[in-house]
Protein backbone atom coordinates (compact mmCIF):
# COMPACT_ATOMS: atom_id res chain seq x y z
CA MET A 1 76.37 139.38 137.19
CA ALA A 2 78.38 138.66 134.09
CA GLY A 3 81.02 135.98 134.34
CA LYS A 4 84.58 137.12 134.82
CA LYS A 5 87.80 135.55 133.60
CA ARG A 6 90.37 135.42 136.39
CA GLU A 7 93.42 133.43 137.42
CA VAL A 8 92.90 130.77 140.07
CA GLN A 9 96.34 129.36 140.78
CA LEU A 10 97.50 128.33 137.29
CA GLN A 11 94.11 127.88 135.55
CA ALA A 12 91.92 130.62 134.06
CA VAL A 13 88.19 130.30 134.78
CA ILE A 14 85.78 130.36 131.82
CA ASN A 15 82.13 130.44 132.90
CA ASN A 16 80.20 131.92 129.99
CA GLN A 17 80.15 131.85 126.19
CA SER A 18 81.77 135.26 125.70
CA LEU A 19 84.79 134.26 127.78
CA TRP A 20 84.95 130.99 125.83
CA ASP A 21 85.01 132.95 122.56
CA GLU A 22 87.73 135.21 123.97
CA MET A 23 89.78 132.15 124.92
CA LEU A 24 89.76 131.04 121.28
CA GLN A 25 92.31 133.76 120.56
CA ASN A 26 94.96 132.08 122.74
CA LYS A 27 98.29 131.48 121.05
CA GLY A 28 99.68 127.95 121.17
CA LEU A 29 98.11 125.14 123.23
CA THR A 30 95.23 125.57 125.68
CA VAL A 31 94.36 122.62 127.94
CA ILE A 32 90.73 122.81 129.04
CA ASP A 33 89.31 121.01 132.08
CA VAL A 34 85.57 120.82 131.36
CA TYR A 35 83.63 120.66 134.65
CA GLN A 36 80.08 120.74 136.03
CA ALA A 37 79.05 123.46 138.46
CA TRP A 38 77.85 120.88 140.98
CA CYS A 39 81.19 119.01 141.17
CA GLY A 40 83.86 121.56 140.19
CA PRO A 41 87.14 121.16 138.28
CA CYS A 42 89.37 118.08 138.59
CA LYS A 43 91.71 118.98 141.46
CA ALA A 44 93.63 115.70 141.06
CA MET A 45 95.24 117.00 137.84
CA GLN A 46 96.34 120.41 139.15
CA THR A 47 99.63 119.07 140.53
CA LEU A 48 100.51 117.71 137.09
CA PHE A 49 99.57 120.98 135.38
CA ARG A 50 101.64 123.03 137.82
CA LYS A 51 104.61 120.69 137.28
CA LEU A 52 104.33 120.97 133.49
CA LYS A 53 103.96 124.76 133.61
CA ASN A 54 107.13 125.07 135.68
CA GLU A 55 109.19 122.51 133.75
CA LEU A 56 108.16 123.53 130.23
CA ASN A 57 108.33 127.27 131.04
CA GLU A 58 106.26 128.21 128.01
CA ASP A 59 103.75 130.78 129.30
CA GLU A 60 103.27 132.24 125.82
CA ILE A 61 102.19 128.97 124.19
CA LEU A 62 100.85 126.83 127.08
CA HIS A 63 97.62 127.81 128.85
CA PHE A 64 95.46 125.94 131.37
CA VAL A 65 91.75 126.65 131.65
CA VAL A 66 88.75 125.36 133.62
CA ALA A 67 85.47 125.72 131.73
CA GLU A 68 82.02 125.33 133.25
CA ALA A 69 79.87 123.27 130.87
CA ASP A 70 76.57 124.46 132.37
CA ASN A 71 76.92 128.07 131.17
CA ILE A 72 78.78 127.60 127.86
CA VAL A 73 76.69 126.77 124.81
CA THR A 74 79.64 125.17 122.96
CA LEU A 75 80.09 122.66 125.81
CA GLN A 76 76.44 121.58 125.97
CA PRO A 77 77.23 117.93 125.01
CA PHE A 78 79.32 117.63 128.19
CA ARG A 79 76.65 118.77 130.65
CA ASP A 80 75.61 116.42 133.48
CA LYS A 81 78.68 114.21 133.04
CA CYS A 82 80.53 113.22 136.18
CA GLU A 83 83.74 112.00 134.45
CA PRO A 84 86.47 114.63 133.90
CA ILE A 85 86.93 115.75 130.29
CA PHE A 86 90.13 117.39 129.02
CA LEU A 87 90.12 119.19 125.68
CA PHE A 88 93.21 120.29 123.75
CA PHE A 89 92.81 123.50 121.77
CA ILE A 90 95.19 124.80 119.05
CA GLU A 91 94.62 127.29 116.23
CA TRP A 92 90.85 127.74 116.74
CA GLN A 93 90.30 123.98 116.88
CA ILE A 94 89.69 121.35 119.52
CA ILE A 95 92.15 118.76 118.21
CA ALA A 96 92.02 116.11 120.95
CA LYS A 97 89.90 114.91 123.86
CA ILE A 98 90.82 112.72 126.83
CA GLU A 99 88.14 111.32 129.11
CA GLY A 100 88.99 110.62 132.72
CA ALA A 101 91.83 111.80 134.97
CA ASN A 102 94.44 109.84 133.01
CA ALA A 103 97.54 111.73 134.15
CA PRO A 104 100.16 109.79 132.10
CA LEU A 105 98.14 110.21 128.91
CA VAL A 106 97.46 113.91 129.51
CA ASN A 107 101.13 114.48 130.38
CA LYS A 108 102.32 112.78 127.19
CA LYS A 109 99.83 114.68 125.04
CA ILE A 110 100.81 118.10 126.44
CA ILE A 111 104.55 117.48 126.06
CA SER A 112 104.07 116.20 122.49
CA LEU A 113 101.99 119.22 121.44
CA ILE A 114 104.32 121.76 123.09
CA ASN A 115 107.34 120.20 121.35
CA GLU A 116 105.40 120.48 118.11
CA GLU A 117 104.63 124.16 118.80
CA ARG A 118 108.32 124.81 119.50
CA ASN A 119 109.36 123.19 116.22
CA ILE A 120 106.74 125.20 114.30
CA ALA A 121 107.91 128.45 115.90
CA ALA A 122 111.54 127.59 115.06
CA GLY A 123 110.65 126.90 111.44
CA LYS A 124 111.61 123.22 111.65
CA MET A 125 108.19 121.96 110.61
CA VAL A 126 104.93 123.22 109.18
CA ARG A 127 101.77 123.08 111.22
CA PRO A 128 99.99 119.77 110.58
CA GLN A 129 96.46 119.66 109.25
CA TYR A 130 94.47 119.05 112.42
CA HIS A 131 91.21 117.15 112.45
CA GLU A 132 88.79 118.98 114.72
CA ILE A 133 87.13 116.84 117.37
CA ALA A 134 83.36 116.81 117.01
CA PHE A 135 81.39 117.29 120.25
CA VAL A 136 79.13 114.24 120.38
CA ASP A 137 76.96 113.48 123.38
CA SER A 138 78.53 110.44 125.01
CA ASP A 139 75.03 109.15 125.86
CA ALA A 140 74.33 109.04 122.15
CA GLU A 141 77.52 107.06 121.67
CA ASP A 142 76.49 104.63 124.37
CA THR A 143 73.13 104.00 122.70
CA GLY A 144 74.66 103.40 119.30
CA GLU A 145 73.75 106.75 117.76
CA ALA A 146 77.39 107.56 117.03
CA SER A 147 79.40 106.09 114.18
CA ASN A 148 79.60 102.31 114.14
CA GLU A 149 82.93 102.23 112.34
CA ASN A 150 84.88 100.79 115.24
CA VAL A 151 82.16 98.27 116.17
CA ASP A 152 82.79 96.37 112.94
CA LYS A 153 86.52 96.06 113.47
CA VAL A 154 88.50 93.58 115.50
CA ARG A 155 91.89 94.97 116.42
CA ASN A 156 95.01 93.21 117.64
CA ILE A 157 98.27 94.58 118.99
CA VAL A 158 101.39 92.93 117.60
CA ILE A 159 104.89 93.34 119.01
CA ILE A 160 107.73 92.33 116.70
CA LYS A 161 110.48 91.35 119.10
CA PRO A 162 113.97 92.89 119.25
CA GLU A 163 115.54 89.67 117.96
CA ALA A 164 113.48 89.99 114.76
CA MET A 165 114.61 93.60 114.37
CA VAL A 166 118.23 92.49 114.64
CA THR A 167 117.83 89.77 112.01
CA GLY A 168 115.98 92.03 109.58
CA LYS A 169 112.65 90.17 109.74
CA THR A 170 110.47 93.27 110.21
CA ILE A 171 109.80 94.03 106.55
CA GLU A 172 109.05 90.37 105.79
CA ILE A 173 106.59 90.12 108.72
CA LYS A 174 104.78 93.32 107.71
CA GLU A 175 104.52 92.18 104.09
CA LYS A 176 103.06 88.82 105.12
CA ILE A 177 100.52 90.50 107.41
CA ILE A 178 99.37 92.77 104.58
CA ASN A 179 99.33 89.93 102.06
CA GLY A 180 97.11 87.96 104.44
CA GLY A 181 94.40 90.59 104.06
CA PHE A 182 95.00 92.32 107.38
CA VAL A 183 95.31 96.10 107.71
CA ILE A 184 98.10 97.89 109.56
CA GLU A 185 96.33 100.88 111.13
CA ALA A 186 99.26 102.22 113.15
CA GLU A 187 102.91 101.34 113.67
CA ASP A 188 105.83 102.56 115.72
CA THR A 189 109.34 101.54 116.74
CA ARG A 190 110.34 101.93 120.37
CA VAL A 191 112.36 100.49 123.21
CA LEU A 192 109.80 99.05 125.60
CA THR A 193 109.94 100.00 129.25
CA GLU A 194 109.71 97.31 131.92
CA THR A 195 106.19 98.52 132.77
CA GLU A 196 105.08 98.24 129.13
CA VAL A 197 106.49 94.70 128.90
CA ARG A 198 104.61 93.70 132.06
CA ASP A 199 101.40 95.29 130.75
CA PHE A 200 101.59 93.48 127.41
CA TYR A 201 102.62 90.11 128.86
CA SER A 202 100.39 90.37 131.95
CA GLN A 203 99.08 86.81 131.49
CA ILE A 204 102.51 85.24 131.89
CA VAL A 205 104.08 87.43 134.58
CA ASP A 206 103.81 84.59 137.12
CA GLN A 207 105.83 82.14 135.03
CA PRO A 208 109.29 81.40 136.48
CA GLU A 209 111.17 82.44 133.32
CA PHE A 210 109.41 85.80 133.02
CA GLU A 211 111.98 87.85 134.96
CA ASP A 212 114.73 86.58 132.63
CA PHE A 213 112.51 87.38 129.64
CA VAL A 214 111.94 91.05 130.54
CA PRO A 215 115.53 92.25 129.80
CA SER A 216 115.41 90.65 126.35
CA MET A 217 112.44 92.90 125.53
CA THR A 218 113.80 96.11 127.08
CA ASN A 219 117.38 96.00 125.75
CA GLY A 220 116.49 96.46 122.09
CA LEU A 221 114.06 98.08 119.70
CA SER A 222 110.62 96.53 119.17
CA TYR A 223 108.09 97.22 116.42
CA ILE A 224 104.52 97.87 117.59
CA LEU A 225 101.58 97.40 115.21
CA VAL A 226 97.82 97.88 115.43
CA ILE A 227 96.27 95.31 113.10
CA SER A 228 92.58 95.25 112.16
CA GLN A 229 90.12 93.08 110.37
CA ASP A 230 86.57 93.87 109.28
CA ASN A 231 83.82 91.75 110.83
CA LYS A 232 81.36 92.79 108.14
CA GLN A 233 83.34 90.99 105.47
CA GLU A 234 82.35 87.39 105.11
CA LEU A 235 85.90 86.29 104.33
CA PRO A 236 88.24 88.90 105.79
CA HIS A 237 91.44 86.89 105.48
CA GLU A 238 91.95 84.45 102.67
CA GLU A 239 94.72 82.43 101.14
CA ASN A 240 94.60 81.48 97.48
CA VAL A 241 94.73 77.70 97.28
CA PRO A 242 94.68 76.08 93.83
CA ASN A 243 91.56 74.03 93.19
CA PRO A 244 92.69 70.61 91.94
CA GLU A 245 89.49 70.19 89.95
CA THR A 246 90.04 73.27 87.86
CA GLU A 247 93.73 74.14 87.83
CA HIS A 248 94.58 71.94 84.81
CA LYS A 249 91.60 72.93 82.65
CA GLU A 250 92.36 74.75 79.41
CA PRO A 251 90.74 78.20 79.11
CA SER A 252 87.90 78.58 76.65
CA GLU A 253 88.38 80.71 73.53
CA ASP A 254 86.34 83.60 74.89
CA GLN A 255 88.34 83.77 78.12
CA HIS A 256 91.03 86.42 78.47
CA GLU A 257 94.48 84.89 78.36
CA MET A 258 95.33 86.49 81.74
CA ALA A 259 92.20 85.24 83.51
CA THR A 260 92.67 84.44 87.17
CA PRO A 261 92.67 80.69 87.92
CA THR A 262 89.91 79.32 90.10
CA VAL A 263 90.91 79.17 93.75
CA MET A 264 89.46 77.93 96.97
CA LYS A 265 89.30 80.46 99.78
CA LYS A 266 90.95 79.86 103.13
CA LYS A 267 89.51 81.95 105.95
CA TRP A 268 91.76 82.71 108.91
CA ASP A 269 90.07 82.51 112.30
CA SER A 270 92.64 84.83 113.87
CA LEU A 271 95.81 86.77 113.23
CA GLN A 272 97.67 84.39 115.54
CA GLU A 273 96.63 81.41 113.41
CA TYR A 274 97.76 83.18 110.27
CA LEU A 275 101.18 84.06 111.71
CA GLU A 276 101.67 80.46 112.80
CA ARG A 277 100.82 79.21 109.32
CA GLN A 278 103.34 81.67 107.87
CA ASP A 279 106.09 80.42 110.25
CA ILE A 280 106.68 83.88 111.70
CA SER A 281 104.80 83.65 115.01
CA GLN A 282 108.06 83.01 116.90
CA PHE A 283 109.24 86.52 115.99
CA CYS A 284 106.18 88.39 117.27
CA ASP A 285 103.49 88.24 119.93
CA VAL A 286 99.81 89.07 119.57
CA GLU A 287 97.30 90.52 122.05
CA GLU A 288 93.72 89.71 121.04
CA ASN A 289 91.69 90.50 124.17
CA VAL A 290 89.55 93.56 123.35
CA ASP A 291 89.95 95.25 126.74
CA ASN A 292 93.71 94.70 126.77
CA VAL A 293 94.02 95.90 123.16
CA ASN A 294 92.19 99.15 123.94
CA LYS A 295 94.37 99.71 127.00
CA LEU A 296 97.56 99.08 125.03
CA ILE A 297 96.46 101.36 122.18
CA ASP A 298 96.07 104.18 124.72
CA ILE A 299 99.62 103.47 125.97
CA PHE A 300 101.40 103.02 122.64
CA PHE A 301 99.26 105.27 120.40
CA PRO A 302 97.54 107.94 122.53
CA ASP A 303 96.39 109.81 119.39
CA PHE A 304 95.01 106.68 117.73
CA LYS A 305 91.33 107.69 117.77
CA SER A 306 91.98 111.01 116.10
CA MET A 307 94.47 109.36 113.70
CA THR A 308 91.93 106.82 112.47
CA SER A 309 89.24 109.45 111.93
CA LEU A 310 91.50 111.15 109.36
CA LYS A 311 91.87 110.05 105.77
CA LEU A 312 95.47 111.14 105.35
CA GLU A 313 96.78 110.61 101.83
CA ARG A 314 100.31 110.88 100.47
CA ILE A 315 100.73 112.11 96.90
CA LEU A 316 103.43 113.23 94.50
CA ALA A 317 103.31 116.79 93.16
CA LEU A 318 105.62 118.41 90.64
CA LEU A 319 106.31 121.99 89.60
CA ARG A 320 107.45 122.14 86.00
CA PRO A 321 110.76 123.96 85.25
CA ASP A 322 109.34 127.38 84.21
CA LEU A 323 107.02 127.61 87.21
CA PHE A 324 109.66 126.41 89.67
CA ARG A 325 112.20 128.91 88.37
CA GLU A 326 109.90 131.94 88.30
CA LYS A 327 107.32 131.45 91.09
CA GLY A 328 108.33 128.39 93.09
CA GLU A 329 108.18 130.17 96.49
CA ASP A 330 104.67 131.46 95.79
CA VAL A 331 103.44 127.94 95.04
CA LEU A 332 105.08 126.49 98.16
CA ASN A 333 103.35 129.11 100.31
CA ILE A 334 99.98 128.23 98.78
CA ILE A 335 100.61 124.51 99.35
CA GLN A 336 101.25 125.09 103.06
CA ASP A 337 98.31 127.49 103.38
CA GLU A 338 96.07 124.76 101.95
CA GLY A 339 97.00 122.46 104.82
CA PHE A 340 99.45 120.18 103.03
CA LYS A 341 102.49 118.94 104.91
CA ILE A 342 105.61 118.73 102.75
CA LEU A 343 107.20 115.41 103.70
CA MET A 344 110.01 115.47 101.14
CA GLN A 345 111.18 117.68 98.30
CA ARG A 346 113.98 117.64 95.76
CA GLN A 347 115.05 119.42 92.60
CA ILE A 348 115.41 117.07 89.67
CA VAL A 349 116.22 117.42 85.97
CA LEU A 350 113.97 114.88 84.26
CA SER A 351 115.29 112.47 81.68
CA LYS A 352 113.51 112.31 78.35
CA GLU A 353 111.89 109.02 79.37
CA GLU A 354 110.68 110.44 82.69
CA ALA A 355 109.26 113.52 80.97
CA GLN A 356 107.44 111.38 78.40
CA THR A 357 105.91 109.26 81.16
CA LEU A 358 104.68 112.26 83.16
CA CYS A 359 103.36 113.99 80.02
CA LYS A 360 101.81 110.93 78.38
CA GLU A 361 98.34 112.51 78.28
CA TYR A 362 99.67 115.18 75.86
CA GLU A 363 101.48 112.80 73.49
CA ASN A 364 99.01 113.32 70.63
CA GLU A 365 99.18 117.12 70.82
CA ASP A 366 101.15 119.21 68.31
CA TYR A 367 103.17 120.80 71.12
CA PHE A 368 104.30 117.47 72.66
CA GLY A 369 107.85 117.80 71.33
CA ASN A 370 108.20 121.32 72.71
CA LEU A 371 106.77 120.14 76.02
CA ILE A 372 109.34 117.37 76.40
CA GLU A 373 112.12 119.80 75.50
CA ASN A 374 110.83 122.21 78.15
CA MET A 375 110.48 119.50 80.80
CA THR A 376 114.10 118.42 80.36
CA SER A 377 115.56 121.92 80.06
CA GLY A 378 116.11 122.55 83.77
CA PRO A 379 115.19 121.42 87.28
CA SER A 380 111.63 120.63 88.26
CA LEU A 381 110.60 120.50 91.93
CA ALA A 382 109.21 117.15 93.08
CA LEU A 383 107.26 117.08 96.34
CA VAL A 384 105.69 114.44 98.55
CA LEU A 385 102.60 115.99 100.14
CA LEU A 386 100.41 114.75 102.99
CA ARG A 387 96.90 115.93 103.80
CA GLU A 388 93.47 114.66 104.69
CA ASN A 389 91.80 113.69 101.39
CA GLY A 390 95.03 114.88 99.80
CA LEU A 391 94.50 113.38 96.35
CA GLN A 392 91.16 115.04 95.59
CA HIS A 393 92.11 118.31 97.29
CA TRP A 394 95.27 118.62 95.17
CA LYS A 395 93.37 117.84 91.97
CA LYS A 396 90.79 120.52 92.75
CA LEU A 397 93.48 123.01 93.80
CA ILE A 398 95.59 122.73 90.65
CA GLY A 399 92.69 122.24 88.22
CA PRO A 400 92.50 120.42 84.85
CA SER A 401 95.47 119.43 82.72
CA THR A 402 95.05 122.21 80.13
CA VAL A 403 94.52 125.96 80.46
CA GLU A 404 91.55 125.91 78.08
CA GLU A 405 89.69 123.33 80.16
CA ALA A 406 90.55 125.17 83.38
CA LYS A 407 89.09 128.44 82.03
CA ASP A 408 85.78 126.67 81.41
CA ASN A 409 85.58 124.57 84.59
CA LEU A 410 87.89 125.90 87.35
CA PRO A 411 88.91 129.48 86.61
CA GLU A 412 90.08 129.95 90.23
CA SER A 413 92.55 127.02 90.02
CA LEU A 414 96.33 127.24 90.12
CA CYS A 415 96.37 126.18 86.49
CA ILE A 416 94.95 129.60 85.56
CA GLN A 417 96.83 131.53 88.23
CA PHE A 418 100.21 130.27 87.02
CA ALA A 419 99.52 129.78 83.30
CA THR A 420 102.34 130.65 80.90
CA GLU A 421 102.27 131.76 77.27
CA SER A 422 104.81 129.17 76.16
CA LEU A 423 102.68 126.05 76.73
CA PRO A 424 98.88 125.63 77.07
CA ILE A 425 99.13 123.08 79.88
CA ASN A 426 98.91 123.04 83.67
CA GLN A 427 102.30 123.99 85.13
CA LEU A 428 101.64 121.70 88.09
CA TYR A 429 101.38 117.92 88.09
CA GLY A 430 99.69 115.57 90.54
CA SER A 431 99.24 111.82 90.85
CA ASP A 432 96.16 110.34 89.19
CA SER A 433 95.52 107.85 91.98
CA LEU A 434 96.94 106.77 95.33
CA GLU A 435 98.42 103.69 93.67
CA ALA A 436 100.13 105.85 91.05
CA ALA A 437 101.31 108.18 93.81
CA GLU A 438 103.15 105.38 95.62
CA ARG A 439 104.83 104.25 92.38
CA GLU A 440 105.89 107.80 91.57
CA ILE A 441 107.15 108.48 95.09
CA GLN A 442 109.24 105.32 95.01
CA HIS A 443 110.70 106.42 91.66
CA PHE A 444 111.55 110.02 92.55
CA PHE A 445 112.35 109.40 96.23
CA PRO A 446 113.95 105.93 96.30
CA LEU A 447 114.78 104.58 99.73
CA GLN A 448 118.39 104.53 100.81
CA SER A 449 120.02 102.96 103.87
CA THR A 450 122.82 104.27 106.03
CA LEU A 451 124.68 102.99 109.07
CA ALA A 452 124.23 104.78 112.39
CA LEU A 453 125.86 104.15 115.75
CA ILE A 454 124.97 105.36 119.25
CA LYS A 455 128.10 105.40 121.40
CA PRO A 456 128.54 103.76 124.84
CA HIS A 457 128.47 106.95 126.94
CA VAL A 458 124.86 107.71 125.89
CA THR A 459 122.42 106.81 128.69
CA HIS A 460 119.25 104.77 128.16
CA GLU A 461 117.15 107.91 128.67
CA GLN A 462 119.21 109.75 126.05
CA ARG A 463 118.84 106.78 123.70
CA GLU A 464 115.07 107.18 123.98
CA ASP A 465 115.38 110.86 123.04
CA ILE A 466 117.59 109.97 120.07
CA PHE A 467 115.10 107.32 118.91
CA ASN A 468 112.37 109.97 118.99
CA LEU A 469 114.51 112.37 116.93
CA ILE A 470 115.19 109.59 114.42
CA LYS A 471 111.47 108.84 114.06
CA GLU A 472 110.51 112.52 113.84
CA ALA A 473 113.02 112.92 111.00
CA GLY A 474 111.20 110.21 109.02
CA PHE A 475 113.73 107.39 109.31
CA ASP A 476 112.78 103.73 109.60
CA ILE A 477 115.09 101.67 111.81
CA THR A 478 115.28 98.57 109.64
CA GLN A 479 117.95 96.72 111.61
CA MET A 480 119.57 97.19 114.97
CA LYS A 481 121.84 95.34 117.37
CA GLU A 482 123.66 96.17 120.56
CA MET A 483 127.27 95.06 120.58
CA LEU A 484 130.58 95.64 122.34
CA LEU A 485 132.82 96.90 119.56
CA ILE A 486 136.15 95.17 119.99
CA LYS A 487 138.86 96.07 117.47
CA GLU A 488 137.77 93.48 114.89
CA GLN A 489 134.22 94.86 114.82
CA ALA A 490 135.25 98.51 115.15
CA ASP A 491 137.57 98.19 112.15
CA LYS A 492 134.52 97.37 109.98
CA ILE A 493 132.81 100.62 110.96
CA TYR A 494 135.79 102.97 111.33
CA PHE A 495 137.83 101.51 108.44
CA LYS A 496 138.76 104.99 107.15
CA ILE A 497 140.71 105.92 110.29
CA VAL A 498 142.26 102.62 111.44
CA LYS A 499 145.75 103.92 110.58
CA LYS A 500 145.30 107.28 112.29
CA ASP A 501 147.21 107.95 115.53
CA PHE A 502 144.01 108.80 117.43
CA TYR A 503 142.31 105.50 116.52
CA LYS A 504 143.54 103.92 119.74
CA ASP A 505 141.53 106.58 121.62
CA VAL A 506 138.45 105.65 119.59
CA LEU A 507 138.91 101.97 120.51
CA GLU A 508 139.29 102.87 124.18
CA MET A 509 136.06 104.90 124.06
CA LEU A 510 134.18 102.03 122.35
CA SER A 511 135.43 99.55 124.97
CA GLU A 512 133.59 101.44 127.74
CA GLY A 513 130.35 99.57 127.04
CA PRO A 514 128.03 98.31 124.31
CA SER A 515 127.23 100.50 121.31
CA LEU A 516 123.93 100.45 119.45
CA VAL A 517 124.45 99.85 115.73
CA MET A 518 121.51 100.57 113.41
CA VAL A 519 120.50 100.63 109.77
CA LEU A 520 118.40 103.73 109.08
CA THR A 521 116.29 103.91 105.94
CA LYS A 522 114.66 106.82 104.11
CA TRP A 523 115.25 108.81 100.95
CA ASN A 524 118.70 110.48 100.97
CA ALA A 525 119.41 108.67 104.25
CA ALA A 526 123.18 109.18 104.48
CA ALA A 527 123.02 112.96 104.03
CA GLU A 528 119.92 113.33 106.23
CA TRP A 529 121.53 111.35 109.08
CA ARG A 530 124.67 113.47 108.92
CA ARG A 531 122.51 116.60 109.08
CA LEU A 532 120.62 115.24 112.10
CA MET A 533 123.90 114.30 113.85
CA GLY A 534 125.39 117.78 113.43
CA PRO A 535 129.09 118.82 113.38
CA THR A 536 131.66 116.43 114.88
CA ASP A 537 132.62 118.80 117.71
CA PRO A 538 129.68 119.23 120.16
CA ASP A 539 130.79 122.80 120.96
CA GLU A 540 130.69 123.69 117.28
CA ALA A 541 127.37 121.86 116.93
CA LYS A 542 125.85 123.99 119.71
CA LEU A 543 126.69 127.09 117.69
CA LEU A 544 125.88 125.91 114.17
CA SER A 545 123.19 123.27 114.75
CA PRO A 546 121.86 123.60 118.33
CA ASP A 547 119.07 121.06 117.85
CA SER A 548 121.33 118.37 116.44
CA ILE A 549 122.06 115.15 118.34
CA ARG A 550 125.70 116.00 118.99
CA ALA A 551 124.81 119.46 120.29
CA ARG A 552 122.33 117.95 122.73
CA PHE A 553 124.10 114.78 123.87
CA GLY A 554 127.77 115.07 122.91
CA ARG A 555 130.47 115.58 125.57
CA SER A 556 133.58 115.93 123.41
CA VAL A 557 134.84 115.27 119.91
CA LEU A 558 135.50 111.66 120.90
CA ARG A 559 132.34 111.16 122.95
CA ASN A 560 129.99 113.00 120.62
CA ALA A 561 127.06 110.57 121.03
CA VAL A 562 126.66 109.24 117.48
CA HIS A 563 128.50 108.17 114.35
CA GLY A 564 127.38 107.73 110.75
CA SER A 565 128.65 106.78 107.33
CA SER A 566 130.01 109.60 105.16
CA ASN A 567 128.00 108.65 102.07
CA SER A 568 125.71 105.96 100.70
CA TYR A 569 128.53 103.90 99.16
CA GLU A 570 130.48 103.70 102.41
CA ALA A 571 127.20 102.98 104.22
CA MET A 572 126.43 99.90 102.13
CA GLU A 573 130.00 98.65 102.42
CA THR A 574 129.84 98.91 106.22
CA ILE A 575 126.30 97.56 106.53
CA ASN A 576 127.19 94.47 104.55
CA LYS A 577 130.08 93.80 106.92
CA VAL A 578 128.13 94.35 110.15
CA PHE A 579 124.72 92.98 109.04
CA GLU A 580 125.74 90.16 106.73
CA ASN A 581 122.18 89.22 105.69
CA PHE A 582 121.04 92.78 105.02
CA VAL A 583 118.84 93.32 101.96
CA PRO A 584 118.37 96.96 100.82
CA ALA A 585 114.79 98.21 101.24
CA ASN A 586 114.60 99.54 97.68
CA THR A 587 116.29 99.34 94.32
CA GLU A 588 118.24 102.58 94.55
CA ALA A 589 121.90 102.03 93.81
CA ASN A 590 123.27 102.73 97.24
């Protein structure tokens, strides 16, 4: 008898290929429990699934399924496996896989993906370019038939302590790690829970001072890093040390005047040794044990395996003035349909120097003068795009730099589709290399810092939610400290209203407990933070900006959860008073 799809409690049963193919049409997220006929589905997870279904209340975009591997061709690699397998399906793709009944990890993954689906449906974000999980027989992996990429890497977990965040050491530490030849594979800022602290510092939990140490790690923001080195490289981490036998020799006539001096190589045995040599080990702690590192990666970066299998690249793209004015929306739709995520965008009227730099390849053409005049005649649209293999995909999508070359080589490219009669060039621009992309992004989207404050009435749980909103909005928390804002300190932050009659009420509110004062950094930071905060009155925020911080966590105009500087100039003035050693993250005139 043919298999039949039916509801068993909260999970649909899929027991043949046709029902599997029908399931592929589900809207939103489908969580699939892959089981063997001889052992059945994982009953231990059903309580969690029922809880999530009730709490999230998203029947249209959250589906739970049990799928029998024995009768479904697609699931053949999972046959005869006794360990539970959970697959996560979105938009015709299996985008994630979790092995074992790991309830906390499955719970976190489902909540994260459903929040993402909600934001996509609300138009707050575009759907990311998912990397489909390949079904590889785990026996093949065990015998070495799978990719050996991870075998040749040694990974460490590094925690930059809250005290280093407060003193602004984070950027310096990251730069030194990179300069030492190490690779930062993943990074995140978060307030550690007591459980996470005990997991990371499990080897010292029996020491008498440990209980006093835990609050110092849970009362502030930490920076978590996954650092790797490549075992296949003979000298993975080196320090250039001048060779005394060669450093004073004069270069021969046939040597280039910028030739690199001879150096001796210093190999670092471990990341810990390197940090000690750089005098920064007191600001961060390192976990090197392979088993502990893998466990901590699952806790801090549950999507790490899928993240590292992607080659995500960030590039700068630009729509020239004529194209932006006439068909900008059409191009933006194509960009999103091609799987690019638009991280940032801005309209900008190029200076003559900027136009000449971007159009340098045309400088010997007769139309160069007209081109520069056109490029400076009105706003262009600059974009920062993210996609797997983004650089090459963008180059192929837009085509060659001139219409004539595009007709011969890529007639289906955007260069031909959006060609104009006025100029024989491609109306779209893209970075030549990833290095050039980073330089161009820094030029057109310079970093800016602003001051942010979380008020005393906000609970620790609400702080966590606010931190997540800050990270999702693309901010870096470059400095942070918790402080009781007495009048002297409050005057530095609220200097514009110190003479107002209601200021005494502000001081009374601030005296209720410690506030969290932060420096947030991204392009256009001051304006973006004010947008994320929402209107001053929480009731007004609920109407005009229901997803803003004040709409979600504010109680009243006075206790509206957060505060921020009005503009970049006020921000820098306040930051310099509160964080006296602060150094701006970029050269933008704040």
